[in-house]
PDB file of N, CA and C in Angstrom:
ATOM      1  N   UNK A   1       0.835  -1.178  -0.015  1.00  0.00           N
ATOM      2  CA  UNK A   1      -0.006  -0.006   0.000  1.00  0.00           C
ATOM      3  C   UNK A   1       0.886   1.238   0.000  1.00  0.00           C
ATOM      4  N   UNK A   2       0.475   2.213  -0.744  1.00  0.00           N
ATOM      5  CA  UNK A   2       1.153   3.491  -0.827  1.00  0.00           C
ATOM      6  C   UNK A   2       0.919   4.278   0.471  1.00  0.00           C
ATOM      7  N   UNK A   3       1.977   4.625   1.178  1.00  0.00           N
ATOM      8  CA  UNK A   3       1.887   5.352   2.444  1.00  0.00           C
ATOM      9  C   UNK A   3       1.140   6.680   2.265  1.00  0.00           C
ATOM     10  N   UNK A   4       1.408   7.368   1.150  1.00  0.00           N
ATOM     11  CA  UNK A   4       0.756   8.643   0.884  1.00  0.00           C
ATOM     12  C   UNK A   4      -0.765   8.475   0.782  1.00  0.00           C
ATOM     13  N   UNK A   5      -1.219   7.362   0.209  1.00  0.00           N
ATOM     14  CA  UNK A   5      -2.657   7.124   0.083  1.00  0.00           C
ATOM     15  C   UNK A   5      -3.257   6.997   1.472  1.00  0.00           C
ATOM     16  N   UNK A   6      -2.608   6.273   2.362  1.00  0.00           N
ATOM     17  CA  UNK A   6      -3.119   6.121   3.732  1.00  0.00           C
ATOM     18  C   UNK A   6      -3.224   7.477   4.416  1.00  0.00           C
ATOM     19  N   UNK A   7      -2.221   8.321   4.227  1.00  0.00           N
ATOM     20  CA  UNK A   7      -2.225   9.649   4.844  1.00  0.00           C
ATOM     21  C   UNK A   7      -3.349  10.530   4.284  1.00  0.00           C
ATOM     22  N   UNK A   8      -3.517  10.525   2.969  1.00  0.00           N
ATOM     23  CA  UNK A   8      -4.560  11.352   2.339  1.00  0.00           C
ATOM     24  C   UNK A   8      -5.938  10.836   2.731  1.00  0.00           C
ATOM     25  N   UNK A   9      -6.144   9.546   2.675  1.00  0.00           N
ATOM     26  CA  UNK A   9      -7.418   8.950   3.057  1.00  0.00           C
ATOM     27  C   UNK A   9      -7.674   9.203   4.531  1.00  0.00           C
ATOM     28  N   UNK A  10      -6.649   9.090   5.361  1.00  0.00           N
ATOM     29  CA  UNK A  10      -6.813   9.329   6.786  1.00  0.00           C
ATOM     30  C   UNK A  10      -7.249  10.769   7.065  1.00  0.00           C
ATOM     31  N   UNK A  11      -6.631  11.726   6.389  1.00  0.00           N
ATOM     32  CA  UNK A  11      -7.001  13.123   6.580  1.00  0.00           C
ATOM     33  C   UNK A  11      -8.447  13.359   6.136  1.00  0.00           C
ATOM     34  N   UNK A  12      -8.822  12.809   4.998  1.00  0.00           N
ATOM     35  CA  UNK A  12     -10.189  12.926   4.514  1.00  0.00           C
ATOM     36  C   UNK A  12     -11.206  12.375   5.526  1.00  0.00           C
ATOM     37  N   UNK A  13     -10.940  11.180   6.046  1.00  0.00           N
ATOM     38  CA  UNK A  13     -11.855  10.575   6.980  1.00  0.00           C
ATOM     39  C   UNK A  13     -11.879  11.333   8.310  1.00  0.00           C
ATOM     40  N   UNK A  14     -10.703  11.781   8.803  1.00  0.00           N
ATOM     41  CA  UNK A  14     -10.666  12.555  10.044  1.00  0.00           C
ATOM     42  C   UNK A  14     -11.524  13.815   9.928  1.00  0.00           C
ATOM     43  N   UNK A  15     -11.374  14.496   8.800  1.00  0.00           N
ATOM     44  CA  UNK A  15     -12.110  15.741   8.567  1.00  0.00           C
ATOM     45  C   UNK A  15     -13.618  15.457   8.498  1.00  0.00           C
ATOM     46  N   UNK A  16     -14.021  14.447   7.705  1.00  0.00           N
ATOM     47  CA  UNK A  16     -15.419  14.172   7.503  1.00  0.00           C
ATOM     48  C   UNK A  16     -16.088  13.575   8.752  1.00  0.00           C
ATOM     49  N   UNK A  17     -15.342  12.784   9.529  1.00  0.00           N
ATOM     50  CA  UNK A  17     -15.898  12.171  10.742  1.00  0.00           C
ATOM     51  C   UNK A  17     -15.691  13.037  11.952  1.00  0.00           C
ATOM     52  N   UNK A  18     -14.981  14.150  11.784  1.00  0.00           N
ATOM     53  CA  UNK A  18     -14.709  15.113  12.823  1.00  0.00           C
ATOM     54  C   UNK A  18     -14.052  14.475  14.053  1.00  0.00           C
ATOM     55  N   UNK A  19     -12.959  13.744  13.768  1.00  0.00           N
ATOM     56  CA  UNK A  19     -12.151  13.153  14.843  1.00  0.00           C
ATOM     57  C   UNK A  19     -10.706  13.567  14.625  1.00  0.00           C
ATOM     58  N   UNK A  20      -9.939  13.649  15.707  1.00  0.00           N
ATOM     59  CA  UNK A  20      -8.544  14.091  15.596  1.00  0.00           C
ATOM     60  C   UNK A  20      -7.606  12.923  15.301  1.00  0.00           C
ATOM     61  N   UNK A  21      -7.963  11.728  15.717  1.00  0.00           N
ATOM     62  CA  UNK A  21      -7.129  10.549  15.510  1.00  0.00           C
ATOM     63  C   UNK A  21      -7.973   9.407  14.960  1.00  0.00           C
ATOM     64  N   UNK A  22      -7.361   8.618  14.084  1.00  0.00           N
ATOM     65  CA  UNK A  22      -8.003   7.417  13.561  1.00  0.00           C
ATOM     66  C   UNK A  22      -6.983   6.265  13.579  1.00  0.00           C
ATOM     67  N   UNK A  23      -7.322   5.191  14.225  1.00  0.00           N
ATOM     68  CA  UNK A  23      -6.494   3.997  14.188  1.00  0.00           C
ATOM     69  C   UNK A  23      -6.752   3.330  12.839  1.00  0.00           C
ATOM     70  N   UNK A  24      -5.706   3.170  12.008  1.00  0.00           N
ATOM     71  CA  UNK A  24      -5.924   2.608  10.664  1.00  0.00           C
ATOM     72  C   UNK A  24      -6.508   1.203  10.643  1.00  0.00           C
ATOM     73  N   UNK A  25      -6.446   0.520  11.779  1.00  0.00           N
ATOM     74  CA  UNK A  25      -6.938  -0.871  11.824  1.00  0.00           C
ATOM     75  C   UNK A  25      -8.253  -1.001  12.627  1.00  0.00           C
ATOM     76  N   UNK A  26      -8.786   0.097  13.119  1.00  0.00           N
ATOM     77  CA  UNK A  26     -10.032   0.070  13.875  1.00  0.00           C
ATOM     78  C   UNK A  26     -11.226   0.132  12.929  1.00  0.00           C
ATOM     79  N   UNK A  27     -12.316  -0.534  13.270  1.00  0.00           N
ATOM     80  CA  UNK A  27     -13.518  -0.455  12.426  1.00  0.00           C
ATOM     81  C   UNK A  27     -13.993   1.020  12.321  1.00  0.00           C
ATOM     82  N   UNK A  28     -14.283   1.422  11.099  1.00  0.00           N
ATOM     83  CA  UNK A  28     -14.709   2.821  10.880  1.00  0.00           C
ATOM     84  C   UNK A  28     -16.072   3.103  11.533  1.00  0.00           C
ATOM     85  N   UNK A  29     -16.889   2.095  11.731  1.00  0.00           N
ATOM     86  CA  UNK A  29     -18.168   2.319  12.401  1.00  0.00           C
ATOM     87  C   UNK A  29     -17.944   2.778  13.854  1.00  0.00           C
ATOM     88  N   UNK A  30     -16.788   2.415  14.432  1.00  0.00           N
ATOM     89  CA  UNK A  30     -16.483   2.880  15.778  1.00  0.00           C
ATOM     90  C   UNK A  30     -16.343   4.401  15.841  1.00  0.00           C
ATOM     91  N   UNK A  31     -16.080   5.031  14.707  1.00  0.00           N
ATOM     92  CA  UNK A  31     -15.930   6.473  14.623  1.00  0.00           C
ATOM     93  C   UNK A  31     -17.197   7.160  14.105  1.00  0.00           C
ATOM     94  N   UNK A  32     -18.246   6.414  13.975  1.00  0.00           N
ATOM     95  CA  UNK A  32     -19.523   6.987  13.575  1.00  0.00           C
ATOM     96  C   UNK A  32     -19.809   6.938  12.080  1.00  0.00           C
ATOM     97  N   UNK A  33     -19.038   6.162  11.330  1.00  0.00           N
ATOM     98  CA  UNK A  33     -19.287   6.046   9.887  1.00  0.00           C
ATOM     99  C   UNK A  33     -20.584   5.270   9.669  1.00  0.00           C
ATOM    100  N   UNK A  34     -21.519   5.887   8.981  1.00  0.00           N
ATOM    101  CA  UNK A  34     -22.766   5.202   8.619  1.00  0.00           C
ATOM    102  C   UNK A  34     -22.840   5.040   7.104  1.00  0.00           C
ATOM    103  N   UNK A  35     -23.899   4.429   6.625  1.00  0.00           N
ATOM    104  CA  UNK A  35     -23.994   4.109   5.203  1.00  0.00           C
ATOM    105  C   UNK A  35     -24.036   5.382   4.339  1.00  0.00           C
ATOM    106  N   UNK A  36     -24.681   6.426   4.795  1.00  0.00           N
ATOM    107  CA  UNK A  36     -24.767   7.652   3.994  1.00  0.00           C
ATOM    108  C   UNK A  36     -23.401   8.315   3.874  1.00  0.00           C
ATOM    109  N   UNK A  37     -22.708   8.434   5.016  1.00  0.00           N
ATOM    110  CA  UNK A  37     -21.343   9.019   4.972  1.00  0.00           C
ATOM    111  C   UNK A  37     -20.406   8.146   4.151  1.00  0.00           C
ATOM    112  N   UNK A  38     -20.581   6.836   4.260  1.00  0.00           N
ATOM    113  CA  UNK A  38     -19.730   5.929   3.534  1.00  0.00           C
ATOM    114  C   UNK A  38     -19.853   6.152   2.018  1.00  0.00           C
ATOM    115  N   UNK A  39     -21.086   6.278   1.533  1.00  0.00           N
ATOM    116  CA  UNK A  39     -21.297   6.562   0.107  1.00  0.00           C
ATOM    117  C   UNK A  39     -20.672   7.859  -0.310  1.00  0.00           C
ATOM    118  N   UNK A  40     -20.856   8.904   0.503  1.00  0.00           N
ATOM    119  CA  UNK A  40     -20.284  10.203   0.214  1.00  0.00           C
ATOM    120  C   UNK A  40     -18.765  10.140   0.138  1.00  0.00           C
ATOM    121  N   UNK A  41     -18.161   9.404   1.080  1.00  0.00           N
ATOM    122  CA  UNK A  41     -16.704   9.282   1.098  1.00  0.00           C
ATOM    123  C   UNK A  41     -16.199   8.487  -0.087  1.00  0.00           C
ATOM    124  N   UNK A  42     -16.879   7.428  -0.486  1.00  0.00           N
ATOM    125  CA  UNK A  42     -16.461   6.658  -1.653  1.00  0.00           C
ATOM    126  C   UNK A  42     -16.497   7.518  -2.888  1.00  0.00           C
ATOM    127  N   UNK A  43     -17.550   8.303  -3.062  1.00  0.00           N
ATOM    128  CA  UNK A  43     -17.649   9.198  -4.223  1.00  0.00           C
ATOM    129  C   UNK A  43     -16.518  10.207  -4.200  1.00  0.00           C
ATOM    130  N   UNK A  44     -16.225  10.758  -3.020  1.00  0.00           N
ATOM    131  CA  UNK A  44     -15.138  11.730  -2.920  1.00  0.00           C
ATOM    132  C   UNK A  44     -13.781  11.108  -3.236  1.00  0.00           C
ATOM    133  N   UNK A  45     -13.542   9.881  -2.757  1.00  0.00           N
ATOM    134  CA  UNK A  45     -12.294   9.197  -3.047  1.00  0.00           C
ATOM    135  C   UNK A  45     -12.163   8.855  -4.519  1.00  0.00           C
ATOM    136  N   UNK A  46     -13.260   8.431  -5.138  1.00  0.00           N
ATOM    137  CA  UNK A  46     -13.219   8.135  -6.586  1.00  0.00           C
ATOM    138  C   UNK A  46     -12.805   9.378  -7.363  1.00  0.00           C
ATOM    139  N   UNK A  47     -13.331  10.515  -6.977  1.00  0.00           N
ATOM    140  CA  UNK A  47     -12.970  11.768  -7.666  1.00  0.00           C
ATOM    141  C   UNK A  47     -11.549  12.170  -7.344  1.00  0.00           C
ATOM    142  N   UNK A  48     -11.171  12.122  -6.097  1.00  0.00           N
ATOM    143  CA  UNK A  48      -9.850  12.535  -5.649  1.00  0.00           C
ATOM    144  C   UNK A  48      -8.727  11.722  -6.283  1.00  0.00           C
ATOM    145  N   UNK A  49      -8.927  10.395  -6.318  1.00  0.00           N
ATOM    146  CA  UNK A  49      -7.875   9.494  -6.799  1.00  0.00           C
ATOM    147  C   UNK A  49      -8.107   9.022  -8.234  1.00  0.00           C
ATOM    148  N   UNK A  50      -9.209   9.452  -8.858  1.00  0.00           N
ATOM    149  CA  UNK A  50      -9.533   9.058 -10.237  1.00  0.00           C
ATOM    150  C   UNK A  50      -9.597   7.548 -10.377  1.00  0.00           C
ATOM    151  N   UNK A  51     -10.380   6.911  -9.504  1.00  0.00           N
ATOM    152  CA  UNK A  51     -10.553   5.443  -9.506  1.00  0.00           C
ATOM    153  C   UNK A  51     -12.047   5.128  -9.475  1.00  0.00           C
ATOM    154  N   UNK A  52     -12.345   3.883  -9.760  1.00  0.00           N
ATOM    155  CA  UNK A  52     -13.700   3.347  -9.646  1.00  0.00           C
ATOM    156  C   UNK A  52     -13.719   2.332  -8.519  1.00  0.00           C
ATOM    157  N   UNK A  53     -14.646   2.476  -7.592  1.00  0.00           N
ATOM    158  CA  UNK A  53     -14.788   1.548  -6.469  1.00  0.00           C
ATOM    159  C   UNK A  53     -16.224   1.004  -6.526  1.00  0.00           C
ATOM    160  N   UNK A  54     -16.341  -0.298  -6.728  1.00  0.00           N
ATOM    161  CA  UNK A  54     -17.651  -0.896  -6.836  1.00  0.00           C
ATOM    162  C   UNK A  54     -18.332  -0.955  -5.456  1.00  0.00           C
ATOM    163  N   UNK A  55     -19.638  -1.155  -5.456  1.00  0.00           N
ATOM    164  CA  UNK A  55     -20.365  -1.303  -4.193  1.00  0.00           C
ATOM    165  C   UNK A  55     -19.829  -2.495  -3.405  1.00  0.00           C
ATOM    166  N   UNK A  56     -19.481  -3.567  -4.117  1.00  0.00           N
ATOM    167  CA  UNK A  56     -18.942  -4.761  -3.457  1.00  0.00           C
ATOM    168  C   UNK A  56     -17.595  -4.460  -2.795  1.00  0.00           C
ATOM    169  N   UNK A  57     -16.759  -3.716  -3.507  1.00  0.00           N
ATOM    170  CA  UNK A  57     -15.445  -3.342  -2.932  1.00  0.00           C
ATOM    171  C   UNK A  57     -15.650  -2.419  -1.723  1.00  0.00           C
ATOM    172  N   UNK A  58     -16.545  -1.464  -1.853  1.00  0.00           N
ATOM    173  CA  UNK A  58     -16.797  -0.542  -0.769  1.00  0.00           C
ATOM    174  C   UNK A  58     -17.304  -1.273   0.480  1.00  0.00           C
ATOM    175  N   UNK A  59     -18.097  -2.279   0.294  1.00  0.00           N
ATOM    176  CA  UNK A  59     -18.654  -3.039   1.436  1.00  0.00           C
ATOM    177  C   UNK A  59     -17.534  -3.770   2.210  1.00  0.00           C
ATOM    178  N   UNK A  60     -16.413  -4.012   1.568  1.00  0.00           N
ATOM    179  CA  UNK A  60     -15.296  -4.721   2.231  1.00  0.00           C
ATOM    180  C   UNK A  60     -14.336  -3.753   2.919  1.00  0.00           C
ATOM    181  N   UNK A  61     -14.545  -2.463   2.750  1.00  0.00           N
ATOM    182  CA  UNK A  61     -13.644  -1.469   3.343  1.00  0.00           C
ATOM    183  C   UNK A  61     -14.134  -1.124   4.751  1.00  0.00           C
ATOM    184  N   UNK A  62     -13.662  -1.905   5.703  1.00  0.00           N
ATOM    185  CA  UNK A  62     -14.137  -1.758   7.090  1.00  0.00           C
ATOM    186  C   UNK A  62     -13.251  -0.895   7.949  1.00  0.00           C
ATOM    187  N   UNK A  63     -11.992  -0.795   7.571  1.00  0.00           N
ATOM    188  CA  UNK A  63     -11.022   0.035   8.313  1.00  0.00           C
ATOM    189  C   UNK A  63     -10.367   1.031   7.377  1.00  0.00           C
ATOM    190  N   UNK A  64      -9.702   2.003   7.943  1.00  0.00           N
ATOM    191  CA  UNK A  64      -8.991   2.968   7.144  1.00  0.00           C
ATOM    192  C   UNK A  64      -7.938   2.282   6.270  1.00  0.00           C
ATOM    193  N   UNK A  65      -7.267   1.285   6.820  1.00  0.00           N
ATOM    194  CA  UNK A  65      -6.264   0.552   6.048  1.00  0.00           C
ATOM    195  C   UNK A  65      -6.907  -0.196   4.869  1.00  0.00           C
ATOM    196  N   UNK A  66      -8.110  -0.746   5.085  1.00  0.00           N
ATOM    197  CA  UNK A  66      -8.845  -1.392   3.985  1.00  0.00           C
ATOM    198  C   UNK A  66      -9.133  -0.394   2.892  1.00  0.00           C
ATOM    199  N   UNK A  67      -9.537   0.805   3.256  1.00  0.00           N
ATOM    200  CA  UNK A  67      -9.842   1.865   2.296  1.00  0.00           C
ATOM    201  C   UNK A  67      -8.602   2.214   1.483  1.00  0.00           C
ATOM    202  N   UNK A  68      -7.500   2.453   2.185  1.00  0.00           N
ATOM    203  CA  UNK A  68      -6.261   2.819   1.488  1.00  0.00           C
ATOM    204  C   UNK A  68      -5.768   1.689   0.582  1.00  0.00           C
ATOM    205  N   UNK A  69      -5.898   0.454   1.046  1.00  0.00           N
ATOM    206  CA  UNK A  69      -5.496  -0.697   0.234  1.00  0.00           C
ATOM    207  C   UNK A  69      -6.342  -0.777  -1.033  1.00  0.00           C
ATOM    208  N   UNK A  70      -7.655  -0.549  -0.904  1.00  0.00           N
ATOM    209  CA  UNK A  70      -8.536  -0.617  -2.071  1.00  0.00           C
ATOM    210  C   UNK A  70      -8.228   0.516  -3.062  1.00  0.00           C
ATOM    211  N   UNK A  71      -7.985   1.716  -2.566  1.00  0.00           N
ATOM    212  CA  UNK A  71      -7.637   2.826  -3.457  1.00  0.00           C
ATOM    213  C   UNK A  71      -6.342   2.514  -4.172  1.00  0.00           C
ATOM    214  N   UNK A  72      -5.351   2.001  -3.449  1.00  0.00           N
ATOM    215  CA  UNK A  72      -4.053   1.655  -4.059  1.00  0.00           C
ATOM    216  C   UNK A  72      -4.223   0.592  -5.122  1.00  0.00           C
ATOM    217  N   UNK A  73      -5.024  -0.447  -4.838  1.00  0.00           N
ATOM    218  CA  UNK A  73      -5.263  -1.516  -5.799  1.00  0.00           C
ATOM    219  C   UNK A  73      -6.012  -0.979  -7.024  1.00  0.00           C
ATOM    220  N   UNK A  74      -6.979  -0.119  -6.821  1.00  0.00           N
ATOM    221  CA  UNK A  74      -7.742   0.434  -7.932  1.00  0.00           C
ATOM    222  C   UNK A  74      -6.873   1.314  -8.811  1.00  0.00           C
ATOM    223  N   UNK A  75      -5.939   2.042  -8.189  1.00  0.00           N
ATOM    224  CA  UNK A  75      -5.016   2.880  -8.967  1.00  0.00           C
ATOM    225  C   UNK A  75      -4.086   2.000  -9.787  1.00  0.00           C
ATOM    226  N   UNK A  76      -3.645   0.873  -9.206  1.00  0.00           N
ATOM    227  CA  UNK A  76      -2.744  -0.023  -9.926  1.00  0.00           C
ATOM    228  C   UNK A  76      -3.443  -0.654 -11.113  1.00  0.00           C
ATOM    229  N   UNK A  77      -4.696  -1.066 -10.931  1.00  0.00           N
ATOM    230  CA  UNK A  77      -5.465  -1.644 -12.047  1.00  0.00           C
ATOM    231  C   UNK A  77      -5.663  -0.613 -13.144  1.00  0.00           C
ATOM    232  N   UNK A  78      -6.009   0.590 -12.756  1.00  0.00           N
ATOM    233  CA  UNK A  78      -6.209   1.650 -13.727  1.00  0.00           C
ATOM    234  C   UNK A  78      -4.918   1.927 -14.508  1.00  0.00           C
ATOM    235  N   UNK A  79      -3.807   1.969 -13.791  1.00  0.00           N
ATOM    236  CA  UNK A  79      -2.531   2.190 -14.459  1.00  0.00           C
ATOM    237  C   UNK A  79      -2.135   1.056 -15.384  1.00  0.00           C
ATOM    238  N   UNK A  80      -2.414  -0.180 -14.949  1.00  0.00           N
ATOM    239  CA  UNK A  80      -2.073  -1.352 -15.772  1.00  0.00           C
ATOM    240  C   UNK A  80      -2.904  -1.392 -17.056  1.00  0.00           C
ATOM    241  N   UNK A  81      -4.128  -0.883 -16.975  1.00  0.00           N
ATOM    242  CA  UNK A  81      -4.985  -0.835 -18.175  1.00  0.00           C
ATOM    243  C   UNK A  81      -4.579   0.304 -19.105  1.00  0.00           C
ATOM    244  N   UNK A  82      -3.804   1.228 -18.561  1.00  0.00           N
ATOM    245  CA  UNK A  82      -3.342   2.354 -19.390  1.00  0.00           C
ATOM    246  C   UNK A  82      -4.374   3.445 -19.557  1.00  0.00           C
ATOM    247  N   UNK A  83      -5.360   3.501 -18.645  1.00  0.00           N
ATOM    248  CA  UNK A  83      -6.369   4.547 -18.779  1.00  0.00           C
ATOM    249  C   UNK A  83      -6.265   5.599 -17.690  1.00  0.00           C
ATOM    250  N   UNK A  84      -5.068   5.833 -17.254  1.00  0.00           N
ATOM    251  CA  UNK A  84      -4.825   6.910 -16.270  1.00  0.00           C
ATOM    252  C   UNK A  84      -3.512   6.690 -15.572  1.00  0.00           C
ATOM    253  N   UNK A  85      -3.097   7.713 -14.858  1.00  0.00           N
ATOM    254  CA  UNK A  85      -1.865   7.611 -14.097  1.00  0.00           C
ATOM    255  C   UNK A  85      -2.104   6.777 -12.847  1.00  0.00           C
ATOM    256  N   UNK A  86      -1.138   5.943 -12.521  1.00  0.00           N
ATOM    257  CA  UNK A  86      -1.252   5.101 -11.326  1.00  0.00           C
ATOM    258  C   UNK A  86      -0.807   5.823 -10.103  1.00  0.00           C
TER     259      UNK A  86
END
């Protein structure tokens, strides 16, 4: 996983969830993430990182580290297909 992705995603989630600290391995629901916020954050990450995240992939993103790993994987796939910068 790209360390920068974890930092950017962490800052985004801290700001949106209004918390000062996030354990990258703690369940995001522990910080008040609900389904509506989750959808908003996925849309924001797709735009920010120029990736596509399916509903199935989003459902598996339970921790901040899961989110960063998925963004990193989606960027790698996009780069391998040649339809954007990785």
